[in-house]
Amino acid sequence: MPKRNSSVVGREFGNGVRDAIEQSGMTQRGLARQLDWQEAKVSDLVQGKGGVTELDVVRLLSYCRAPYADVERILALYRESREKGWLLFPEDGVPDQVHSLISQERLASRITVWSMNLVPGHLQIAAYIRAAAEKSAKIKPADVDALIRAKLDRQASFQPGREFVFYAHEQALRLPVGGPEVMRAQLTHIQLVLMRNYITFRIVPTAIGAHAGLSGSFTRLSFDRYEPVVFIESQNSGLFLEDKDSLACYAEVLKRLDREALDAEQSRRLITSMLV
């Protein structure tokens, strides 16, 4: 089956519409009847396929009695839904890119991560997240607990039937985030997680010097139903990339990291040596 042409922002728009309908207490069929639409039109909206005008979106949200803030957010997503790529600037509180990334990860069949400076986010324990967040220039102290909860939610995606491949630089595992006790607990947690056969962890050793991932960390999401997406997080924004040239570039980075990294067993042994 060919993959559908559906953008990240389009899917986020569809999620917003679905939430508005559910909060109204109406069904998609009942709402379609109220609007004098075909039920398929509402279904397309929820799936982020588009095919409607901005006025249609406003009418639907009005019938749902959606709060003003939700209407503004959903309309903003609608206006961007035809773009390839999505740049997110966080509002107050937990960065929007964290929630949006988790939303897309739940749809992915394969998640591939390259992490240059820190333990990959999916594998971080609470104490490690807290220690890193407390040193961050972008996370307010009052938001640290919410950030920890949001990041730990990512681990719910560890389910059989999905594939996870993590590449991490050796320096990310040796950086003493939170001190020796936290790092020992963190490395032990990675070892336990790697007992699952659908999770692969490979280390790019410091000894090789320059490597293909020097431009920075990223996450590649592959889907059964959609085209792949690359996510990059910076100091104050998050960027989803979907254009063919960008995807080809990051695919080449992963291909080279695959050649440069230790294999899975060598990586496990290196982690064990760090715990001695």
Protein backbone atom coordinates (compact mmCIF):
# COMPACT_ATOMS: atom_id res chain seq x y z
CA MET A 1 0.00 0.00 0.00
CA PRO A 2 1.49 3.40 -0.97
CA LYS A 3 2.23 5.78 1.89
CA ARG A 4 -0.18 8.69 2.33
CA ASN A 5 0.96 12.23 1.73
CA SER A 6 0.32 13.50 5.24
CA SER A 7 2.47 16.13 6.96
CA VAL A 8 3.34 16.29 10.65
CA VAL A 9 1.49 19.56 11.11
CA GLY A 10 -1.50 18.12 9.24
CA ARG A 11 -1.63 15.20 11.66
CA GLU A 12 -1.33 17.57 14.63
CA PHE A 13 -4.23 19.59 13.18
CA GLY A 14 -6.27 16.39 12.87
CA ASN A 15 -5.51 15.51 16.49
CA GLY A 16 -6.75 18.94 17.57
CA VAL A 17 -10.01 18.49 15.66
CA ARG A 18 -10.49 15.00 17.12
CA ASP A 19 -9.96 16.31 20.66
CA ALA A 20 -12.47 19.12 20.08
CA ILE A 21 -15.09 16.64 18.86
CA GLU A 22 -14.50 14.27 21.78
CA GLN A 23 -14.72 17.10 24.32
CA SER A 24 -18.04 18.21 22.80
CA GLY A 25 -19.57 14.81 23.55
CA MET A 26 -20.68 14.39 19.93
CA THR A 27 -19.74 11.61 17.54
CA GLN A 28 -18.22 12.32 14.14
CA ARG A 29 -21.44 11.07 12.55
CA GLY A 30 -23.61 13.30 14.72
CA LEU A 31 -21.43 16.32 14.03
CA ALA A 32 -21.52 15.67 10.28
CA ARG A 33 -25.32 15.60 10.45
CA GLN A 34 -25.37 18.93 12.32
CA LEU A 35 -23.09 20.51 9.72
CA ASP A 36 -24.92 18.88 6.77
CA TRP A 37 -21.64 17.26 5.69
CA GLN A 38 -20.76 13.79 4.52
CA GLU A 39 -19.29 11.82 7.44
CA ALA A 40 -16.18 11.22 5.28
CA LYS A 41 -15.47 14.95 5.33
CA VAL A 42 -15.22 14.95 9.12
CA SER A 43 -13.14 11.76 8.97
CA ASP A 44 -10.69 13.41 6.56
CA LEU A 45 -10.35 16.37 8.91
CA VAL A 46 -9.55 14.13 11.87
CA GLN A 47 -6.95 12.30 9.82
CA GLY A 48 -5.31 15.57 8.81
CA LYS A 49 -6.07 15.15 5.11
CA GLY A 50 -7.51 18.65 4.68
CA GLY A 51 -9.99 19.22 1.88
CA VAL A 52 -11.83 21.96 3.77
CA THR A 53 -11.76 25.73 4.00
CA GLU A 54 -10.83 27.77 7.06
CA LEU A 55 -14.50 28.73 7.36
CA ASP A 56 -15.40 25.01 7.51
CA VAL A 57 -12.95 24.56 10.38
CA VAL A 58 -14.44 27.54 12.25
CA ARG A 59 -17.97 26.18 11.79
CA LEU A 60 -16.97 22.77 13.09
CA LEU A 61 -15.22 24.20 16.14
CA SER A 62 -18.20 26.47 16.82
CA TYR A 63 -20.56 23.48 16.90
CA CYS A 64 -18.11 21.78 19.27
CA ARG A 65 -18.08 24.89 21.50
CA ALA A 66 -14.28 24.71 21.56
CA PRO A 67 -12.56 27.22 23.88
CA TYR A 68 -11.11 30.29 22.16
CA ALA A 69 -7.50 29.25 22.88
CA ASP A 70 -8.11 25.86 21.24
CA VAL A 71 -9.71 27.51 18.20
CA GLU A 72 -6.70 29.79 17.76
CA ARG A 73 -4.26 26.88 18.05
CA ILE A 74 -6.17 24.62 15.63
CA LEU A 75 -6.57 27.41 13.06
CA ALA A 76 -2.84 28.16 13.29
CA LEU A 77 -2.13 24.50 12.57
CA TYR A 78 -4.61 24.54 9.67
CA ARG A 79 -2.82 27.50 8.08
CA GLU A 80 0.50 25.65 8.22
CA SER A 81 -0.84 22.24 7.20
CA ARG A 82 0.11 22.61 3.55
CA GLU A 83 3.77 23.26 4.38
CA LYS A 84 6.47 20.60 4.28
CA GLY A 85 8.32 20.96 7.52
CA TRP A 86 7.21 22.50 10.78
CA LEU A 87 9.12 24.88 13.02
CA LEU A 88 7.93 25.01 16.64
CA PHE A 89 8.68 27.78 19.12
CA PRO A 90 7.70 26.78 22.67
CA GLU A 91 5.26 28.73 24.78
CA ASP A 92 5.52 28.85 28.57
CA GLY A 93 5.86 25.54 30.38
CA VAL A 94 6.99 22.22 28.91
CA PRO A 95 8.27 22.84 25.37
CA ASP A 96 5.62 22.22 22.73
CA GLN A 97 8.12 20.24 20.68
CA VAL A 98 8.28 17.58 23.42
CA HIS A 99 4.52 16.93 23.23
CA SER A 100 4.44 17.12 19.42
CA LEU A 101 7.38 14.72 19.10
CA ILE A 102 5.73 12.22 21.45
CA SER A 103 2.53 12.48 19.41
CA GLN A 104 4.37 11.57 16.20
CA GLU A 105 6.46 8.86 17.87
CA ARG A 106 3.26 7.04 18.84
CA LEU A 107 2.49 6.63 15.13
CA ALA A 108 5.97 5.49 14.11
CA SER A 109 6.93 1.88 13.41
CA ARG A 110 10.68 2.55 13.62
CA ILE A 111 12.45 5.24 15.65
CA THR A 112 16.12 5.92 15.00
CA VAL A 113 18.00 8.33 17.26
CA TRP A 114 21.45 9.88 17.06
CA SER A 115 22.52 11.56 20.31
CA MET A 116 25.87 13.30 20.46
CA ASN A 117 26.02 14.91 23.92
CA LEU A 118 23.47 13.22 26.18
CA VAL A 119 21.96 9.79 26.75
CA PRO A 120 19.12 9.43 24.20
CA GLY A 121 15.91 10.87 25.62
CA HIS A 122 13.91 7.63 25.47
CA LEU A 123 16.47 5.98 27.74
CA GLN A 124 16.87 8.72 30.35
CA ILE A 125 15.86 8.10 33.97
CA ALA A 126 14.11 10.76 36.05
CA ALA A 127 17.21 11.77 38.04
CA TYR A 128 19.20 12.21 34.82
CA ILE A 129 16.44 14.32 33.22
CA ARG A 130 16.25 16.49 36.33
CA ALA A 131 20.02 17.03 36.48
CA ALA A 132 20.16 18.03 32.80
CA ALA A 133 17.06 20.25 33.03
CA GLU A 134 18.38 22.12 36.06
CA LYS A 135 21.43 23.17 34.02
CA SER A 136 19.34 24.17 31.00
CA ALA A 137 18.97 27.82 30.07
CA LYS A 138 15.53 27.21 28.56
CA ILE A 139 13.73 25.21 31.28
CA LYS A 140 12.24 27.14 34.19
CA PRO A 141 12.62 25.50 37.63
CA ALA A 142 8.83 25.37 38.01
CA ASP A 143 8.54 23.32 34.81
CA VAL A 144 11.13 20.64 35.60
CA ASP A 145 8.69 18.13 37.11
CA ALA A 146 6.30 18.47 34.16
CA LEU A 147 9.21 17.99 31.76
CA ILE A 148 10.27 14.82 33.57
CA ARG A 149 6.74 13.40 33.32
CA ALA A 150 6.52 14.27 29.62
CA LYS A 151 9.88 12.69 28.81
CA LEU A 152 9.18 9.55 30.81
CA ASP A 153 5.94 9.19 28.83
CA ARG A 154 8.11 8.50 25.78
CA GLN A 155 9.10 5.16 27.29
CA ALA A 156 5.51 3.99 26.88
CA SER A 157 6.35 3.70 23.17
CA PHE A 158 8.64 0.72 23.94
CA GLN A 159 6.35 -2.01 22.66
CA PRO A 160 6.96 -5.22 20.67
CA GLY A 161 6.19 -4.81 17.00
CA ARG A 162 8.08 -1.52 16.82
CA GLU A 163 11.82 -1.08 16.27
CA PHE A 164 14.16 1.29 18.09
CA VAL A 165 17.75 1.99 17.07
CA PHE A 166 19.87 4.32 19.19
CA TYR A 167 23.27 5.69 18.22
CA ALA A 168 25.09 7.59 20.96
CA HIS A 169 28.54 9.07 21.14
CA GLU A 170 30.76 7.64 23.86
CA GLN A 171 31.17 11.10 25.38
CA ALA A 172 27.38 11.20 25.99
CA LEU A 173 27.72 8.16 28.27
CA ARG A 174 30.80 9.45 30.07
CA LEU A 175 29.50 12.96 30.74
CA PRO A 176 28.75 12.83 34.52
CA VAL A 177 25.26 14.34 34.44
CA GLY A 178 24.00 14.44 38.02
CA GLY A 179 27.18 12.88 39.40
CA PRO A 180 28.50 9.30 39.74
CA GLU A 181 25.43 7.78 41.44
CA VAL A 182 23.01 9.12 38.86
CA MET A 183 25.25 7.97 36.01
CA ARG A 184 25.59 4.49 37.49
CA ALA A 185 21.80 4.23 37.75
CA GLN A 186 21.44 5.61 34.22
CA LEU A 187 23.88 3.16 32.63
CA THR A 188 22.33 0.26 34.55
CA HIS A 189 18.91 1.31 33.23
CA ILE A 190 20.23 1.23 29.66
CA GLN A 191 21.53 -2.29 30.19
CA LEU A 192 18.12 -3.42 31.45
CA VAL A 193 16.28 -1.81 28.55
CA LEU A 194 18.58 -3.54 26.07
CA MET A 195 17.27 -6.92 27.18
CA ARG A 196 14.35 -6.22 24.84
CA ASN A 197 15.17 -7.62 21.41
CA TYR A 198 13.44 -4.81 19.52
CA ILE A 199 15.81 -2.16 20.95
CA THR A 200 19.32 -1.72 19.56
CA PHE A 201 21.95 0.53 21.13
CA ARG A 202 25.25 1.32 19.43
CA ILE A 203 28.06 3.58 20.57
CA VAL A 204 30.23 5.77 18.35
CA PRO A 205 33.61 5.57 20.11
CA THR A 206 35.63 8.67 20.97
CA ALA A 207 38.75 7.02 19.53
CA ILE A 208 37.60 7.41 15.92
CA GLY A 209 37.77 11.21 16.18
CA ALA A 210 35.62 13.10 13.67
CA HIS A 211 32.45 11.28 12.65
CA ALA A 212 29.35 11.66 10.46
CA GLY A 213 27.13 12.99 13.25
CA LEU A 214 29.09 16.12 14.09
CA SER A 215 26.33 18.42 12.86
CA GLY A 216 24.18 17.46 15.85
CA SER A 217 21.61 15.09 17.33
CA PHE A 218 18.34 14.17 15.60
CA THR A 219 15.49 11.65 15.56
CA ARG A 220 14.21 9.89 12.44
CA LEU A 221 10.66 8.55 12.51
CA SER A 222 9.59 5.92 9.99
CA PHE A 223 5.92 5.06 9.50
CA ASP A 224 3.96 2.27 7.85
CA ARG A 225 1.35 4.73 6.54
CA TYR A 226 3.30 7.97 6.03
CA GLU A 227 6.57 9.23 4.65
CA PRO A 228 9.47 9.48 7.16
CA VAL A 229 10.20 12.58 9.25
CA VAL A 230 13.37 13.94 10.88
CA PHE A 231 13.10 15.94 14.10
CA ILE A 232 15.80 18.33 15.34
CA GLU A 233 15.66 20.12 18.69
CA SER A 234 17.61 23.33 19.29
CA GLN A 235 17.93 25.62 22.29
CA ASN A 236 14.58 27.33 21.81
CA SER A 237 12.78 25.52 19.00
CA GLY A 238 12.01 22.20 17.37
CA LEU A 239 11.99 21.45 13.65
CA PHE A 240 10.28 18.62 11.77
CA LEU A 241 11.86 18.05 8.33
CA GLU A 242 9.91 16.27 5.59
CA ASP A 243 11.42 17.41 2.26
CA LYS A 244 13.22 14.79 0.18
CA ASP A 245 16.62 16.51 0.17
CA SER A 246 16.73 16.78 3.97
CA LEU A 247 15.56 13.20 4.44
CA ALA A 248 18.22 11.95 2.02
CA CYS A 249 20.91 13.92 3.84
CA TYR A 250 20.02 12.49 7.26
CA ALA A 251 19.67 8.99 5.81
CA GLU A 252 23.27 9.29 4.64
CA VAL A 253 24.36 10.39 8.13
CA LEU A 254 22.75 7.28 9.61
CA LYS A 255 24.35 5.08 6.98
CA ARG A 256 27.78 6.40 7.92
CA LEU A 257 27.11 6.15 11.66
CA ASP A 258 26.17 2.52 11.07
CA ARG A 259 29.66 1.94 9.64
CA GLU A 260 31.45 3.91 12.36
CA ALA A 261 29.64 2.68 15.49
CA LEU A 262 30.55 -0.33 17.59
CA ASP A 263 28.19 -3.23 17.08
CA ALA A 264 25.50 -3.97 19.68
CA GLU A 265 27.56 -6.50 21.65
CA GLN A 266 30.67 -4.30 21.69
CA SER A 267 28.51 -1.42 22.89
CA ARG A 268 27.10 -3.51 25.76
CA ARG A 269 30.61 -4.46 26.82
CA LEU A 270 31.70 -0.81 26.80
CA ILE A 271 28.77 0.14 29.04
CA THR A 272 29.67 -2.70 31.41
CA SER A 273 33.27 -1.44 31.58
CA MET A 274 31.98 1.99 32.61
CA LEU A 275 30.16 0.43 35.55
CA VAL A 276 33.20 -1.37 36.94
